[in-house]
N, C-alpha and C. Protein backbone atom coordinates (compact mmCIF):
# COMPACT_ATOMS: atom_id res chain seq x y z
N MET A 1 12.06 0.65 -10.60
CA MET A 1 11.30 0.21 -9.45
C MET A 1 10.98 1.38 -8.52
N ASN A 2 11.91 2.31 -8.38
CA ASN A 2 11.66 3.47 -7.51
C ASN A 2 10.49 4.31 -8.01
N GLU A 3 10.36 4.40 -9.32
CA GLU A 3 9.25 5.16 -9.90
C GLU A 3 7.91 4.50 -9.58
N VAL A 4 7.87 3.19 -9.67
CA VAL A 4 6.65 2.45 -9.35
C VAL A 4 6.31 2.63 -7.88
N LEU A 5 7.30 2.50 -7.03
CA LEU A 5 7.07 2.68 -5.59
C LEU A 5 6.54 4.08 -5.30
N ALA A 6 7.11 5.08 -5.93
CA ALA A 6 6.64 6.46 -5.73
C ALA A 6 5.20 6.60 -6.18
N ASP A 7 4.84 5.97 -7.30
CA ASP A 7 3.46 6.03 -7.79
C ASP A 7 2.50 5.35 -6.82
N VAL A 8 2.91 4.21 -6.27
CA VAL A 8 2.06 3.50 -5.31
C VAL A 8 1.86 4.34 -4.06
N GLU A 9 2.92 4.89 -3.54
CA GLU A 9 2.82 5.72 -2.34
C GLU A 9 1.95 6.95 -2.58
N LYS A 10 2.10 7.57 -3.72
CA LYS A 10 1.29 8.74 -4.05
C LYS A 10 -0.19 8.36 -4.11
N ALA A 11 -0.48 7.25 -4.75
CA ALA A 11 -1.87 6.79 -4.86
C ALA A 11 -2.45 6.46 -3.49
N ARG A 12 -1.66 5.83 -2.65
CA ARG A 12 -2.14 5.51 -1.30
C ARG A 12 -2.45 6.77 -0.51
N LYS A 13 -1.59 7.77 -0.59
CA LYS A 13 -1.80 9.02 0.14
C LYS A 13 -3.04 9.77 -0.37
N GLU A 14 -3.26 9.71 -1.68
CA GLU A 14 -4.43 10.37 -2.25
C GLU A 14 -5.72 9.65 -1.88
N TYR A 15 -5.66 8.35 -1.81
CA TYR A 15 -6.84 7.55 -1.51
C TYR A 15 -7.21 7.57 -0.03
N GLU A 16 -6.23 7.66 0.83
CA GLU A 16 -6.44 7.57 2.28
C GLU A 16 -7.59 8.45 2.80
N PRO A 17 -7.66 9.72 2.46
CA PRO A 17 -8.75 10.55 3.02
C PRO A 17 -10.13 10.19 2.46
N LEU A 18 -10.17 9.42 1.40
CA LEU A 18 -11.44 9.06 0.79
C LEU A 18 -12.05 7.78 1.35
N ILE A 19 -11.31 7.09 2.17
CA ILE A 19 -11.76 5.80 2.70
C ILE A 19 -12.90 6.02 3.69
N SER A 20 -13.97 5.29 3.45
CA SER A 20 -15.14 5.35 4.33
C SER A 20 -14.90 4.50 5.57
N PRO A 21 -15.49 4.91 6.69
CA PRO A 21 -15.37 4.08 7.89
C PRO A 21 -16.11 2.75 7.69
N GLY A 22 -15.79 1.79 8.49
CA GLY A 22 -16.47 0.50 8.39
C GLY A 22 -15.71 -0.47 7.51
N GLU A 23 -16.44 -1.15 6.65
CA GLU A 23 -15.87 -2.22 5.83
C GLU A 23 -14.73 -1.73 4.93
N GLU A 24 -14.90 -0.58 4.31
CA GLU A 24 -13.84 -0.08 3.43
C GLU A 24 -12.57 0.20 4.23
N ARG A 25 -12.70 0.74 5.42
CA ARG A 25 -11.54 1.01 6.27
C ARG A 25 -10.85 -0.30 6.63
N LYS A 26 -11.64 -1.32 6.98
CA LYS A 26 -11.06 -2.63 7.31
C LYS A 26 -10.27 -3.18 6.14
N LEU A 27 -10.85 -3.12 4.95
CA LEU A 27 -10.18 -3.63 3.76
C LEU A 27 -8.91 -2.83 3.45
N ALA A 28 -8.98 -1.53 3.62
CA ALA A 28 -7.80 -0.69 3.37
C ALA A 28 -6.69 -1.03 4.36
N ASN A 29 -7.05 -1.30 5.61
CA ASN A 29 -6.05 -1.68 6.61
C ASN A 29 -5.41 -3.02 6.27
N VAL A 30 -6.22 -3.98 5.81
CA VAL A 30 -5.69 -5.28 5.41
C VAL A 30 -4.72 -5.10 4.25
N MET A 31 -5.12 -4.31 3.27
CA MET A 31 -4.27 -4.07 2.11
C MET A 31 -2.96 -3.39 2.51
N SER A 32 -3.06 -2.44 3.40
CA SER A 32 -1.87 -1.72 3.85
C SER A 32 -0.89 -2.66 4.55
N ARG A 33 -1.41 -3.50 5.43
CA ARG A 33 -0.54 -4.47 6.12
C ARG A 33 0.07 -5.46 5.13
N ALA A 34 -0.72 -5.90 4.16
CA ALA A 34 -0.22 -6.84 3.16
C ALA A 34 0.91 -6.20 2.35
N TRP A 35 0.72 -4.95 1.96
CA TRP A 35 1.76 -4.26 1.19
C TRP A 35 3.03 -4.10 2.01
N GLU A 36 2.87 -3.75 3.28
CA GLU A 36 4.02 -3.56 4.15
C GLU A 36 4.80 -4.86 4.37
N SER A 37 4.12 -5.99 4.27
CA SER A 37 4.80 -7.29 4.35
C SER A 37 5.41 -7.67 3.01
N TYR A 38 4.67 -7.44 1.95
CA TYR A 38 5.09 -7.85 0.61
C TYR A 38 6.30 -7.06 0.11
N PHE A 39 6.26 -5.77 0.24
CA PHE A 39 7.28 -4.95 -0.40
C PHE A 39 8.70 -5.25 0.06
N PRO A 40 8.98 -5.32 1.36
CA PRO A 40 10.36 -5.64 1.77
C PRO A 40 10.83 -7.00 1.25
N MET A 41 9.93 -7.96 1.23
CA MET A 41 10.29 -9.29 0.71
C MET A 41 10.59 -9.23 -0.77
N SER A 42 9.82 -8.47 -1.51
CA SER A 42 10.05 -8.37 -2.95
C SER A 42 11.39 -7.71 -3.24
N GLN A 43 11.77 -6.76 -2.40
CA GLN A 43 13.08 -6.11 -2.57
C GLN A 43 14.21 -7.11 -2.36
N LYS A 44 14.06 -7.99 -1.38
CA LYS A 44 15.09 -9.00 -1.12
C LYS A 44 15.21 -9.95 -2.30
N VAL A 45 14.07 -10.36 -2.84
CA VAL A 45 14.07 -11.31 -3.95
C VAL A 45 14.72 -10.68 -5.19
N MET A 46 14.45 -9.41 -5.42
CA MET A 46 14.95 -8.75 -6.61
C MET A 46 16.42 -8.32 -6.49
N ALA A 47 16.94 -8.34 -5.26
CA ALA A 47 18.34 -7.91 -5.03
C ALA A 47 19.34 -8.93 -5.51
């Protein structure tokens, strides 16, 4: 699981500077908030 998390974080960091302002930025922000909510819960479930 740590390897997957590292891959996700790496991909997010690489993608971040490529995000266009406007609609793409809004969608990226929604996705980021969703991930930040999802991940801690998934860790609890898997524990």
